[in-house]
Amino acid sequence: MRKVIAFEWMSLDGVVQAPANPNEDVSGGFTHGGWHIPYFDAQSMKWVLDNVSQAGGYLLGRRTYEMFAAHWPNASAEEQALAVPLNTLPKYVASRTLKEPLSWDKARLLGHDVAAEVRALKREDGKDLLAIGSAEFVRTLIAHNLVDEFRVMIDPVCLGGGKRFFPESGALLSLRLVESRVVSTGALLATYTRVAV
């Protein structure tokens, strides 16, 4: 049985909105887009590449899928180390509005019961599934106890508002830290596994 790993970039106060680009997501009046980029260094880039290239496939929400599908098939030569696995491995997309066939190679829609479909994917043989970004979709997976591990890059910045990653449902989510390291920018790379309660 393979795991579902949530792979996220977040601020110290848990915000995940628009990490890479000023215009990525300005909903709710968010004005800090691109906040994550200054915290990358060689070590954190290697961490991203290792996680992306070692996956058996990707779980993506609609917004993340559309952003990735617009960029990665046309990635520059310098981006090919990331582009190759993203373009060639299976992508499973949660969306209520997209229709098959999806334009990005090896991408397919999950059905209406995404929890049941992800549960079936977990039962398959193969490498683990990486849920990249896609905070709303991952919150659904958390609610159905389908996320086995969280790999987060926590930047030393508080944004004071914006879309947050973890659900505010009041439900207890117990985790155990299994690996961590601080990179030169002060960002923390941390891996947490779920703890049964």
N, C-alpha and C. Protein backbone atom coordinates (compact mmCIF):
# COMPACT_ATOMS: atom_id res chain seq x y z
N MET A 1 0.85 -1.20 0.00
CA MET A 1 0.00 0.00 0.00
C MET A 1 0.89 1.24 0.00
N ARG A 2 0.57 2.16 -0.88
CA ARG A 2 1.40 3.37 -0.94
C ARG A 2 0.79 4.50 -0.14
N LYS A 3 1.63 5.47 0.19
CA LYS A 3 1.22 6.58 1.03
C LYS A 3 0.80 7.78 0.18
N VAL A 4 0.00 8.64 0.80
CA VAL A 4 -0.27 9.97 0.27
C VAL A 4 0.53 10.95 1.11
N ILE A 5 1.36 11.74 0.43
CA ILE A 5 2.23 12.71 1.09
C ILE A 5 1.81 14.10 0.66
N ALA A 6 1.45 14.94 1.63
CA ALA A 6 1.14 16.34 1.34
C ALA A 6 2.44 17.12 1.32
N PHE A 7 2.70 17.83 0.24
CA PHE A 7 3.95 18.54 0.01
C PHE A 7 3.63 20.02 -0.13
N GLU A 8 4.04 20.80 0.87
CA GLU A 8 3.58 22.19 0.94
C GLU A 8 4.71 23.16 1.28
N TRP A 9 4.55 24.39 0.78
CA TRP A 9 5.36 25.53 1.21
C TRP A 9 4.44 26.41 2.04
N MET A 10 4.85 26.77 3.25
CA MET A 10 3.97 27.60 4.08
C MET A 10 4.76 28.60 4.90
N SER A 11 4.06 29.65 5.28
CA SER A 11 4.63 30.63 6.19
C SER A 11 4.54 30.09 7.61
N LEU A 12 5.23 30.76 8.52
CA LEU A 12 5.20 30.33 9.91
C LEU A 12 3.79 30.36 10.48
N ASP A 13 2.95 31.27 10.00
CA ASP A 13 1.57 31.32 10.48
C ASP A 13 0.62 30.48 9.61
N GLY A 14 1.18 29.53 8.83
CA GLY A 14 0.36 28.53 8.14
C GLY A 14 -0.23 28.93 6.82
N VAL A 15 0.16 30.07 6.26
CA VAL A 15 -0.41 30.54 5.00
C VAL A 15 0.29 29.84 3.83
N VAL A 16 -0.50 29.41 2.85
CA VAL A 16 0.04 28.76 1.65
C VAL A 16 -0.36 29.49 0.38
N GLN A 17 -1.06 30.58 0.49
CA GLN A 17 -1.59 31.28 -0.68
C GLN A 17 -0.48 31.95 -1.48
N ALA A 18 -0.51 31.75 -2.79
CA ALA A 18 0.35 32.45 -3.76
C ALA A 18 1.82 32.48 -3.35
N PRO A 19 2.44 31.32 -3.13
CA PRO A 19 3.83 31.34 -2.69
C PRO A 19 4.82 31.79 -3.75
N ALA A 20 4.52 31.54 -5.04
CA ALA A 20 5.54 31.68 -6.06
C ALA A 20 5.46 32.94 -6.91
N ASN A 21 4.29 33.58 -6.95
CA ASN A 21 4.12 34.65 -7.92
C ASN A 21 3.18 35.73 -7.37
N PRO A 22 3.50 37.00 -7.58
CA PRO A 22 2.63 38.07 -7.06
C PRO A 22 1.19 37.98 -7.54
N ASN A 23 0.97 37.48 -8.76
CA ASN A 23 -0.38 37.42 -9.33
C ASN A 23 -0.98 36.02 -9.29
N GLU A 24 -0.35 35.11 -8.57
CA GLU A 24 -0.79 33.72 -8.54
C GLU A 24 -2.20 33.56 -7.99
N ASP A 25 -2.49 34.25 -6.89
CA ASP A 25 -3.82 34.16 -6.27
C ASP A 25 -4.01 35.40 -5.40
N VAL A 26 -4.76 36.36 -5.90
CA VAL A 26 -4.99 37.60 -5.16
C VAL A 26 -6.36 37.61 -4.50
N SER A 27 -7.04 36.46 -4.48
CA SER A 27 -8.38 36.41 -3.88
C SER A 27 -8.32 36.81 -2.42
N GLY A 28 -9.41 37.42 -1.97
CA GLY A 28 -9.47 37.90 -0.59
C GLY A 28 -8.60 39.12 -0.35
N GLY A 29 -8.13 39.74 -1.42
CA GLY A 29 -7.27 40.91 -1.28
C GLY A 29 -5.84 40.59 -0.87
N PHE A 30 -5.40 39.35 -1.11
CA PHE A 30 -4.06 38.95 -0.71
C PHE A 30 -3.01 39.70 -1.53
N THR A 31 -2.07 40.35 -0.83
CA THR A 31 -1.09 41.22 -1.51
C THR A 31 0.35 40.76 -1.35
N HIS A 32 0.57 39.57 -0.79
CA HIS A 32 1.94 39.13 -0.52
C HIS A 32 2.40 38.02 -1.46
N GLY A 33 1.79 37.89 -2.62
CA GLY A 33 2.15 36.83 -3.56
C GLY A 33 3.64 36.83 -3.87
N GLY A 34 4.22 35.65 -3.97
CA GLY A 34 5.65 35.50 -4.23
C GLY A 34 6.50 35.48 -2.97
N TRP A 35 5.87 35.41 -1.81
CA TRP A 35 6.56 35.49 -0.52
C TRP A 35 7.57 34.35 -0.32
N HIS A 36 7.37 33.23 -0.97
CA HIS A 36 8.20 32.05 -0.70
C HIS A 36 9.56 32.06 -1.41
N ILE A 37 9.63 32.66 -2.57
CA ILE A 37 10.81 32.57 -3.44
C ILE A 37 12.12 32.98 -2.74
N PRO A 38 12.16 34.04 -1.92
CA PRO A 38 13.44 34.42 -1.29
C PRO A 38 14.02 33.37 -0.34
N TYR A 39 13.22 32.37 0.04
CA TYR A 39 13.69 31.39 1.02
C TYR A 39 14.26 30.12 0.39
N PHE A 40 14.29 30.07 -0.93
CA PHE A 40 14.92 28.93 -1.59
C PHE A 40 16.44 29.07 -1.56
N ASP A 41 17.11 27.95 -1.40
CA ASP A 41 18.55 27.86 -1.58
C ASP A 41 18.84 26.52 -2.25
N ALA A 42 20.12 26.18 -2.43
CA ALA A 42 20.46 24.94 -3.13
C ALA A 42 19.92 23.71 -2.39
N GLN A 43 19.98 23.72 -1.06
CA GLN A 43 19.53 22.57 -0.29
C GLN A 43 18.02 22.38 -0.40
N SER A 44 17.26 23.47 -0.32
CA SER A 44 15.80 23.34 -0.41
C SER A 44 15.37 22.99 -1.84
N MET A 45 16.11 23.48 -2.85
CA MET A 45 15.79 23.10 -4.23
C MET A 45 16.03 21.61 -4.44
N LYS A 46 17.11 21.07 -3.86
CA LYS A 46 17.37 19.63 -3.96
C LYS A 46 16.27 18.85 -3.27
N TRP A 47 15.79 19.34 -2.13
CA TRP A 47 14.69 18.69 -1.40
C TRP A 47 13.44 18.63 -2.27
N VAL A 48 13.13 19.74 -2.95
CA VAL A 48 11.97 19.75 -3.85
C VAL A 48 12.16 18.74 -4.97
N LEU A 49 13.32 18.77 -5.61
CA LEU A 49 13.60 17.86 -6.72
C LEU A 49 13.53 16.41 -6.27
N ASP A 50 14.11 16.09 -5.12
CA ASP A 50 14.07 14.71 -4.61
C ASP A 50 12.64 14.25 -4.38
N ASN A 51 11.82 15.09 -3.77
CA ASN A 51 10.44 14.72 -3.49
C ASN A 51 9.64 14.53 -4.77
N VAL A 52 9.79 15.45 -5.71
CA VAL A 52 9.03 15.37 -6.95
C VAL A 52 9.46 14.17 -7.79
N SER A 53 10.77 13.93 -7.87
CA SER A 53 11.27 12.87 -8.75
C SER A 53 11.09 11.47 -8.16
N GLN A 54 10.94 11.35 -6.84
CA GLN A 54 10.78 10.04 -6.22
C GLN A 54 9.33 9.60 -6.09
N ALA A 55 8.40 10.45 -6.49
CA ALA A 55 6.98 10.12 -6.38
C ALA A 55 6.56 9.13 -7.46
N GLY A 56 5.45 8.46 -7.20
CA GLY A 56 4.87 7.57 -8.20
C GLY A 56 3.78 8.25 -9.00
N GLY A 57 3.38 9.44 -8.58
CA GLY A 57 2.34 10.21 -9.25
C GLY A 57 1.97 11.38 -8.36
N TYR A 58 1.09 12.23 -8.89
CA TYR A 58 0.75 13.46 -8.19
C TYR A 58 -0.76 13.61 -8.04
N LEU A 59 -1.16 14.13 -6.90
CA LEU A 59 -2.55 14.48 -6.63
C LEU A 59 -2.63 16.01 -6.67
N LEU A 60 -3.51 16.53 -7.53
CA LEU A 60 -3.58 17.97 -7.75
C LEU A 60 -5.02 18.46 -7.71
N GLY A 61 -5.21 19.62 -7.08
CA GLY A 61 -6.48 20.32 -7.19
C GLY A 61 -6.53 21.05 -8.52
N ARG A 62 -7.71 21.57 -8.86
CA ARG A 62 -7.89 22.20 -10.16
C ARG A 62 -6.96 23.38 -10.39
N ARG A 63 -6.87 24.30 -9.43
CA ARG A 63 -6.05 25.49 -9.64
C ARG A 63 -4.57 25.13 -9.82
N THR A 64 -4.09 24.20 -8.99
CA THR A 64 -2.69 23.78 -9.13
C THR A 64 -2.48 23.08 -10.47
N TYR A 65 -3.42 22.22 -10.84
CA TYR A 65 -3.32 21.54 -12.14
C TYR A 65 -3.23 22.55 -13.28
N GLU A 66 -4.12 23.53 -13.30
CA GLU A 66 -4.14 24.49 -14.41
C GLU A 66 -2.85 25.29 -14.47
N MET A 67 -2.32 25.68 -13.33
CA MET A 67 -1.06 26.42 -13.29
C MET A 67 0.09 25.55 -13.78
N PHE A 68 0.16 24.32 -13.30
CA PHE A 68 1.23 23.40 -13.70
C PHE A 68 1.13 23.04 -15.19
N ALA A 69 -0.09 22.73 -15.65
CA ALA A 69 -0.29 22.32 -17.04
C ALA A 69 0.05 23.43 -18.02
N ALA A 70 -0.07 24.68 -17.58
CA ALA A 70 0.28 25.81 -18.43
C ALA A 70 1.79 26.03 -18.48
N HIS A 71 2.50 25.59 -17.44
CA HIS A 71 3.93 25.88 -17.36
C HIS A 71 4.84 24.71 -17.72
N TRP A 72 4.64 23.56 -17.06
CA TRP A 72 5.66 22.51 -17.12
C TRP A 72 5.84 21.85 -18.48
N PRO A 73 4.83 21.69 -19.32
CA PRO A 73 5.10 21.13 -20.65
C PRO A 73 6.00 22.02 -21.51
N ASN A 74 6.09 23.31 -21.16
CA ASN A 74 6.91 24.26 -21.92
C ASN A 74 8.06 24.79 -21.08
N ALA A 75 8.50 24.02 -20.10
CA ALA A 75 9.54 24.47 -19.18
C ALA A 75 10.85 24.72 -19.90
N SER A 76 11.64 25.62 -19.34
CA SER A 76 12.94 25.96 -19.91
C SER A 76 13.93 24.82 -19.71
N ALA A 77 15.05 24.91 -20.38
CA ALA A 77 16.09 23.89 -20.25
C ALA A 77 16.57 23.77 -18.81
N GLU A 78 16.65 24.90 -18.11
CA GLU A 78 17.12 24.90 -16.72
C GLU A 78 16.13 24.20 -15.78
N GLU A 79 14.88 24.09 -16.19
CA GLU A 79 13.84 23.50 -15.33
C GLU A 79 13.58 22.03 -15.62
N GLN A 80 14.33 21.43 -16.52
CA GLN A 80 14.01 20.08 -16.97
C GLN A 80 14.12 19.02 -15.88
N ALA A 81 14.98 19.21 -14.89
CA ALA A 81 15.08 18.22 -13.82
C ALA A 81 13.74 18.06 -13.10
N LEU A 82 13.00 19.15 -12.93
CA LEU A 82 11.65 19.09 -12.35
C LEU A 82 10.60 18.76 -13.40
N ALA A 83 10.78 19.30 -14.59
CA ALA A 83 9.76 19.14 -15.63
C ALA A 83 9.60 17.69 -16.06
N VAL A 84 10.69 16.94 -16.15
CA VAL A 84 10.61 15.56 -16.65
C VAL A 84 9.68 14.70 -15.79
N PRO A 85 9.89 14.61 -14.46
CA PRO A 85 8.93 13.80 -13.70
C PRO A 85 7.51 14.37 -13.72
N LEU A 86 7.37 15.68 -13.63
CA LEU A 86 6.04 16.27 -13.63
C LEU A 86 5.31 16.01 -14.94
N ASN A 87 6.03 16.01 -16.03
CA ASN A 87 5.39 15.78 -17.33
C ASN A 87 5.14 14.31 -17.64
N THR A 88 5.92 13.40 -17.05
CA THR A 88 5.83 12.00 -17.45
C THR A 88 5.09 11.09 -16.47
N LEU A 89 5.00 11.49 -15.20
CA LEU A 89 4.32 10.64 -14.22
C LEU A 89 2.82 10.92 -14.21
N PRO A 90 2.01 9.97 -13.72
CA PRO A 90 0.56 10.16 -13.67
C PRO A 90 0.16 11.32 -12.76
N LYS A 91 -0.88 12.02 -13.20
CA LYS A 91 -1.44 13.12 -12.42
C LYS A 91 -2.93 12.87 -12.24
N TYR A 92 -3.40 12.92 -10.99
CA TYR A 92 -4.79 12.67 -10.65
C TYR A 92 -5.38 13.98 -10.14
N VAL A 93 -6.41 14.48 -10.81
CA VAL A 93 -6.88 15.84 -10.61
C VAL A 93 -8.28 15.85 -10.02
N ALA A 94 -8.44 16.60 -8.94
CA ALA A 94 -9.76 16.78 -8.33
C ALA A 94 -10.36 18.08 -8.86
N SER A 95 -11.50 17.97 -9.52
CA SER A 95 -12.16 19.16 -10.05
C SER A 95 -13.64 18.87 -10.28
N ARG A 96 -14.45 19.90 -10.00
CA ARG A 96 -15.88 19.81 -10.30
C ARG A 96 -16.21 20.48 -11.63
N THR A 97 -15.22 21.16 -12.25
CA THR A 97 -15.51 21.93 -13.46
C THR A 97 -14.74 21.45 -14.69
N LEU A 98 -13.57 20.87 -14.54
CA LEU A 98 -12.81 20.39 -15.70
C LEU A 98 -13.49 19.16 -16.30
N LYS A 99 -13.26 18.95 -17.59
CA LYS A 99 -13.82 17.80 -18.31
C LYS A 99 -12.70 17.01 -18.97
N GLU A 100 -12.91 15.71 -19.08
CA GLU A 100 -11.98 14.85 -19.82
C GLU A 100 -12.16 15.10 -21.32
N PRO A 101 -11.12 14.94 -22.13
CA PRO A 101 -9.76 14.60 -21.72
C PRO A 101 -9.01 15.85 -21.27
N LEU A 102 -8.14 15.68 -20.29
CA LEU A 102 -7.30 16.79 -19.83
C LEU A 102 -6.14 16.97 -20.81
N SER A 103 -5.68 18.19 -20.92
CA SER A 103 -4.67 18.51 -21.95
C SER A 103 -3.27 18.04 -21.59
N TRP A 104 -2.96 17.93 -20.30
CA TRP A 104 -1.59 17.58 -19.91
C TRP A 104 -1.43 16.07 -19.97
N ASP A 105 -0.34 15.62 -20.56
CA ASP A 105 -0.09 14.19 -20.74
C ASP A 105 -0.12 13.45 -19.40
N LYS A 106 -0.78 12.30 -19.40
CA LYS A 106 -0.90 11.41 -18.24
C LYS A 106 -1.65 12.05 -17.08
N ALA A 107 -2.56 12.98 -17.39
CA ALA A 107 -3.42 13.57 -16.36
C ALA A 107 -4.84 13.06 -16.56
N ARG A 108 -5.49 12.72 -15.45
CA ARG A 108 -6.89 12.30 -15.55
C ARG A 108 -7.66 12.82 -14.35
N LEU A 109 -8.94 12.99 -14.55
CA LEU A 109 -9.80 13.47 -13.48
C LEU A 109 -10.15 12.35 -12.51
N LEU A 110 -10.20 12.69 -11.24
CA LEU A 110 -10.79 11.81 -10.25
C LEU A 110 -12.30 11.97 -10.34
N GLY A 111 -13.03 10.96 -9.96
CA GLY A 111 -14.48 11.03 -10.00
C GLY A 111 -15.05 11.91 -8.90
N HIS A 112 -16.37 11.91 -8.78
CA HIS A 112 -17.03 12.77 -7.79
C HIS A 112 -16.67 12.38 -6.37
N ASP A 113 -16.46 11.11 -6.11
CA ASP A 113 -16.06 10.66 -4.78
C ASP A 113 -14.53 10.56 -4.72
N VAL A 114 -13.88 11.73 -4.55
CA VAL A 114 -12.42 11.74 -4.61
C VAL A 114 -11.81 10.92 -3.48
N ALA A 115 -12.45 10.88 -2.33
CA ALA A 115 -11.91 10.10 -1.21
C ALA A 115 -11.85 8.62 -1.58
N ALA A 116 -12.91 8.10 -2.17
CA ALA A 116 -12.92 6.69 -2.57
C ALA A 116 -11.88 6.42 -3.64
N GLU A 117 -11.72 7.34 -4.58
CA GLU A 117 -10.74 7.13 -5.65
C GLU A 117 -9.31 7.17 -5.12
N VAL A 118 -9.04 8.10 -4.22
CA VAL A 118 -7.69 8.18 -3.64
C VAL A 118 -7.43 6.94 -2.78
N ARG A 119 -8.44 6.49 -2.06
CA ARG A 119 -8.29 5.27 -1.26
C ARG A 119 -7.91 4.09 -2.17
N ALA A 120 -8.54 4.00 -3.34
CA ALA A 120 -8.22 2.93 -4.29
C ALA A 120 -6.80 3.10 -4.85
N LEU A 121 -6.39 4.32 -5.13
CA LEU A 121 -5.03 4.57 -5.61
C LEU A 121 -3.99 4.15 -4.57
N LYS A 122 -4.30 4.39 -3.31
CA LYS A 122 -3.38 4.02 -2.23
C LYS A 122 -3.20 2.50 -2.16
N ARG A 123 -4.23 1.76 -2.52
CA ARG A 123 -4.15 0.29 -2.45
C ARG A 123 -3.32 -0.30 -3.58
N GLU A 124 -3.05 0.48 -4.61
CA GLU A 124 -2.26 -0.02 -5.74
C GLU A 124 -0.79 -0.16 -5.36
N ASP A 125 -0.10 -1.01 -6.08
CA ASP A 125 1.34 -1.11 -5.92
C ASP A 125 2.00 0.11 -6.54
N GLY A 126 3.19 0.42 -6.06
CA GLY A 126 3.94 1.51 -6.67
C GLY A 126 4.46 2.49 -5.64
N LYS A 127 5.09 3.53 -6.16
CA LYS A 127 5.65 4.57 -5.30
C LYS A 127 4.55 5.46 -4.75
N ASP A 128 4.89 6.20 -3.71
CA ASP A 128 3.92 7.05 -3.02
C ASP A 128 3.40 8.17 -3.92
N LEU A 129 2.23 8.69 -3.54
CA LEU A 129 1.58 9.78 -4.26
C LEU A 129 1.86 11.10 -3.55
N LEU A 130 2.26 12.10 -4.31
CA LEU A 130 2.62 13.40 -3.76
C LEU A 130 1.51 14.39 -4.10
N ALA A 131 0.88 14.94 -3.06
CA ALA A 131 -0.12 15.99 -3.25
C ALA A 131 0.61 17.32 -3.12
N ILE A 132 0.76 18.02 -4.24
CA ILE A 132 1.54 19.25 -4.27
C ILE A 132 0.59 20.44 -4.19
N GLY A 133 0.86 21.34 -3.21
CA GLY A 133 -0.02 22.51 -3.07
C GLY A 133 -1.44 22.04 -2.83
N SER A 134 -2.39 22.57 -3.66
CA SER A 134 -3.77 22.05 -3.68
C SER A 134 -4.39 21.99 -2.29
N ALA A 135 -4.28 23.08 -1.54
CA ALA A 135 -4.67 23.08 -0.13
C ALA A 135 -6.11 22.64 0.10
N GLU A 136 -7.04 23.11 -0.73
CA GLU A 136 -8.45 22.73 -0.53
C GLU A 136 -8.64 21.22 -0.72
N PHE A 137 -8.03 20.67 -1.74
CA PHE A 137 -8.10 19.23 -2.00
C PHE A 137 -7.45 18.45 -0.86
N VAL A 138 -6.30 18.90 -0.41
CA VAL A 138 -5.61 18.19 0.68
C VAL A 138 -6.42 18.24 1.97
N ARG A 139 -7.09 19.36 2.23
CA ARG A 139 -7.96 19.42 3.42
C ARG A 139 -9.05 18.36 3.34
N THR A 140 -9.58 18.10 2.14
CA THR A 140 -10.56 17.03 1.96
C THR A 140 -9.94 15.68 2.28
N LEU A 141 -8.71 15.47 1.79
CA LEU A 141 -8.02 14.20 2.06
C LEU A 141 -7.75 14.04 3.56
N ILE A 142 -7.37 15.11 4.23
CA ILE A 142 -7.14 15.06 5.68
C ILE A 142 -8.43 14.66 6.39
N ALA A 143 -9.54 15.26 5.98
CA ALA A 143 -10.83 14.98 6.62
C ALA A 143 -11.23 13.51 6.48
N HIS A 144 -10.73 12.85 5.44
CA HIS A 144 -11.04 11.43 5.22
C HIS A 144 -9.89 10.52 5.66
N ASN A 145 -8.96 11.07 6.45
CA ASN A 145 -7.82 10.30 6.98
C ASN A 145 -6.99 9.63 5.88
N LEU A 146 -6.77 10.34 4.80
CA LEU A 146 -6.05 9.76 3.66
C LEU A 146 -4.62 10.29 3.53
N VAL A 147 -4.25 11.31 4.30
CA VAL A 147 -2.88 11.84 4.24
C VAL A 147 -2.06 11.12 5.30
N ASP A 148 -1.00 10.47 4.85
CA ASP A 148 -0.14 9.70 5.75
C ASP A 148 1.04 10.51 6.27
N GLU A 149 1.45 11.50 5.49
CA GLU A 149 2.68 12.22 5.81
C GLU A 149 2.59 13.64 5.28
N PHE A 150 3.21 14.56 6.02
CA PHE A 150 3.29 15.96 5.61
C PHE A 150 4.75 16.33 5.46
N ARG A 151 5.11 16.83 4.29
CA ARG A 151 6.46 17.35 4.06
C ARG A 151 6.31 18.83 3.76
N VAL A 152 6.79 19.64 4.67
CA VAL A 152 6.55 21.08 4.58
C VAL A 152 7.85 21.86 4.64
N MET A 153 7.90 22.92 3.86
CA MET A 153 8.96 23.91 3.97
C MET A 153 8.32 25.10 4.64
N ILE A 154 8.74 25.37 5.86
CA ILE A 154 8.15 26.45 6.66
C ILE A 154 9.12 27.63 6.63
N ASP A 155 8.67 28.72 6.02
CA ASP A 155 9.51 29.90 5.88
C ASP A 155 9.41 30.80 7.10
N PRO A 156 10.50 31.47 7.47
CA PRO A 156 10.50 32.33 8.64
C PRO A 156 9.85 33.69 8.34
N VAL A 157 8.57 33.64 8.04
CA VAL A 157 7.81 34.86 7.74
C VAL A 157 6.37 34.63 8.17
N CYS A 158 5.74 35.65 8.73
CA CYS A 158 4.31 35.62 9.04
C CYS A 158 3.61 36.58 8.10
N LEU A 159 2.58 36.12 7.43
CA LEU A 159 1.90 36.92 6.42
C LEU A 159 0.64 37.60 6.95
N GLY A 160 0.20 37.22 8.12
CA GLY A 160 -0.89 37.92 8.76
C GLY A 160 -2.28 37.64 8.21
N GLY A 161 -2.37 36.84 7.19
CA GLY A 161 -3.66 36.51 6.59
C GLY A 161 -3.44 35.81 5.27
N GLY A 162 -4.49 35.22 4.76
CA GLY A 162 -4.39 34.46 3.51
C GLY A 162 -4.89 33.05 3.73
N LYS A 163 -4.93 32.29 2.67
CA LYS A 163 -5.42 30.91 2.75
C LYS A 163 -4.43 30.05 3.53
N ARG A 164 -4.97 29.33 4.49
CA ARG A 164 -4.13 28.48 5.32
C ARG A 164 -4.29 27.03 4.90
N PHE A 165 -3.28 26.26 5.27
CA PHE A 165 -3.24 24.87 4.83
C PHE A 165 -4.08 23.95 5.68
N PHE A 166 -3.84 23.93 6.98
CA PHE A 166 -4.54 22.97 7.82
C PHE A 166 -5.98 23.41 8.06
N PRO A 167 -6.89 22.45 8.10
CA PRO A 167 -8.31 22.79 8.29
C PRO A 167 -8.58 23.38 9.66
N GLU A 168 -9.56 24.24 9.71
CA GLU A 168 -9.98 24.83 10.99
C GLU A 168 -11.29 24.18 11.43
N SER A 169 -11.30 22.85 11.43
CA SER A 169 -12.51 22.10 11.70
C SER A 169 -12.69 21.77 13.18
N GLY A 170 -11.66 22.01 13.97
CA GLY A 170 -11.72 21.63 15.37
C GLY A 170 -11.30 20.19 15.62
N ALA A 171 -11.02 19.46 14.53
CA ALA A 171 -10.61 18.06 14.67
C ALA A 171 -9.13 17.99 15.05
N LEU A 172 -8.81 17.05 15.92
CA LEU A 172 -7.43 16.84 16.37
C LEU A 172 -6.64 16.13 15.27
N LEU A 173 -5.44 16.61 15.01
CA LEU A 173 -4.55 16.00 14.03
C LEU A 173 -3.20 15.83 14.71
N SER A 174 -2.93 14.62 15.19
CA SER A 174 -1.68 14.35 15.90
C SER A 174 -0.61 13.91 14.91
N LEU A 175 0.58 14.50 15.05
CA LEU A 175 1.68 14.24 14.13
C LEU A 175 2.95 13.92 14.91
N ARG A 176 3.88 13.25 14.23
CA ARG A 176 5.18 12.96 14.82
C ARG A 176 6.25 13.44 13.85
N LEU A 177 7.19 14.25 14.34
CA LEU A 177 8.29 14.73 13.52
C LEU A 177 9.27 13.59 13.28
N VAL A 178 9.55 13.28 12.01
CA VAL A 178 10.48 12.20 11.69
C VAL A 178 11.77 12.70 11.05
N GLU A 179 11.75 13.92 10.55
CA GLU A 179 12.97 14.47 9.96
C GLU A 179 12.83 15.99 9.89
N SER A 180 13.93 16.70 10.14
CA SER A 180 13.91 18.15 9.97
C SER A 180 15.33 18.66 9.76
N ARG A 181 15.41 19.76 9.05
CA ARG A 181 16.69 20.47 8.92
C ARG A 181 16.39 21.91 8.54
N VAL A 182 17.29 22.79 8.94
CA VAL A 182 17.16 24.20 8.64
C VAL A 182 18.13 24.53 7.51
N VAL A 183 17.66 25.26 6.51
CA VAL A 183 18.52 25.63 5.39
C VAL A 183 19.09 27.03 5.62
N SER A 184 19.93 27.47 4.70
CA SER A 184 20.69 28.70 4.90
C SER A 184 19.81 29.94 5.00
N THR A 185 18.61 29.90 4.46
CA THR A 185 17.70 31.05 4.51
C THR A 185 16.90 31.11 5.81
N GLY A 186 17.07 30.10 6.66
CA GLY A 186 16.29 30.03 7.90
C GLY A 186 15.00 29.25 7.77
N ALA A 187 14.70 28.76 6.57
CA ALA A 187 13.50 27.94 6.37
C ALA A 187 13.72 26.54 6.94
N LEU A 188 12.65 25.94 7.41
CA LEU A 188 12.68 24.61 8.00
C LEU A 188 12.08 23.61 7.02
N LEU A 189 12.81 22.54 6.71
CA LEU A 189 12.28 21.42 5.93
C LEU A 189 11.92 20.33 6.92
N ALA A 190 10.65 20.00 7.01
CA ALA A 190 10.20 19.07 8.05
C ALA A 190 9.27 18.02 7.47
N THR A 191 9.42 16.81 7.99
CA THR A 191 8.53 15.71 7.62
C THR A 191 7.83 15.21 8.87
N TYR A 192 6.52 15.15 8.81
CA TYR A 192 5.67 14.66 9.91
C TYR A 192 4.83 13.50 9.42
N THR A 193 4.67 12.48 10.26
CA THR A 193 3.76 11.40 9.95
C THR A 193 2.55 11.49 10.87
N ARG A 194 1.46 10.88 10.44
CA ARG A 194 0.25 10.84 11.26
C ARG A 194 0.45 9.90 12.45
N VAL A 195 -0.14 10.26 13.55
CA VAL A 195 -0.12 9.42 14.75
C VAL A 195 -1.57 9.04 15.06
N ALA A 196 -1.83 7.75 15.18
CA ALA A 196 -3.19 7.33 15.50
C ALA A 196 -3.55 7.74 16.92
N VAL A 197 -4.76 8.24 17.08
CA VAL A 197 -5.24 8.64 18.43
C VAL A 197 -6.45 7.83 18.82
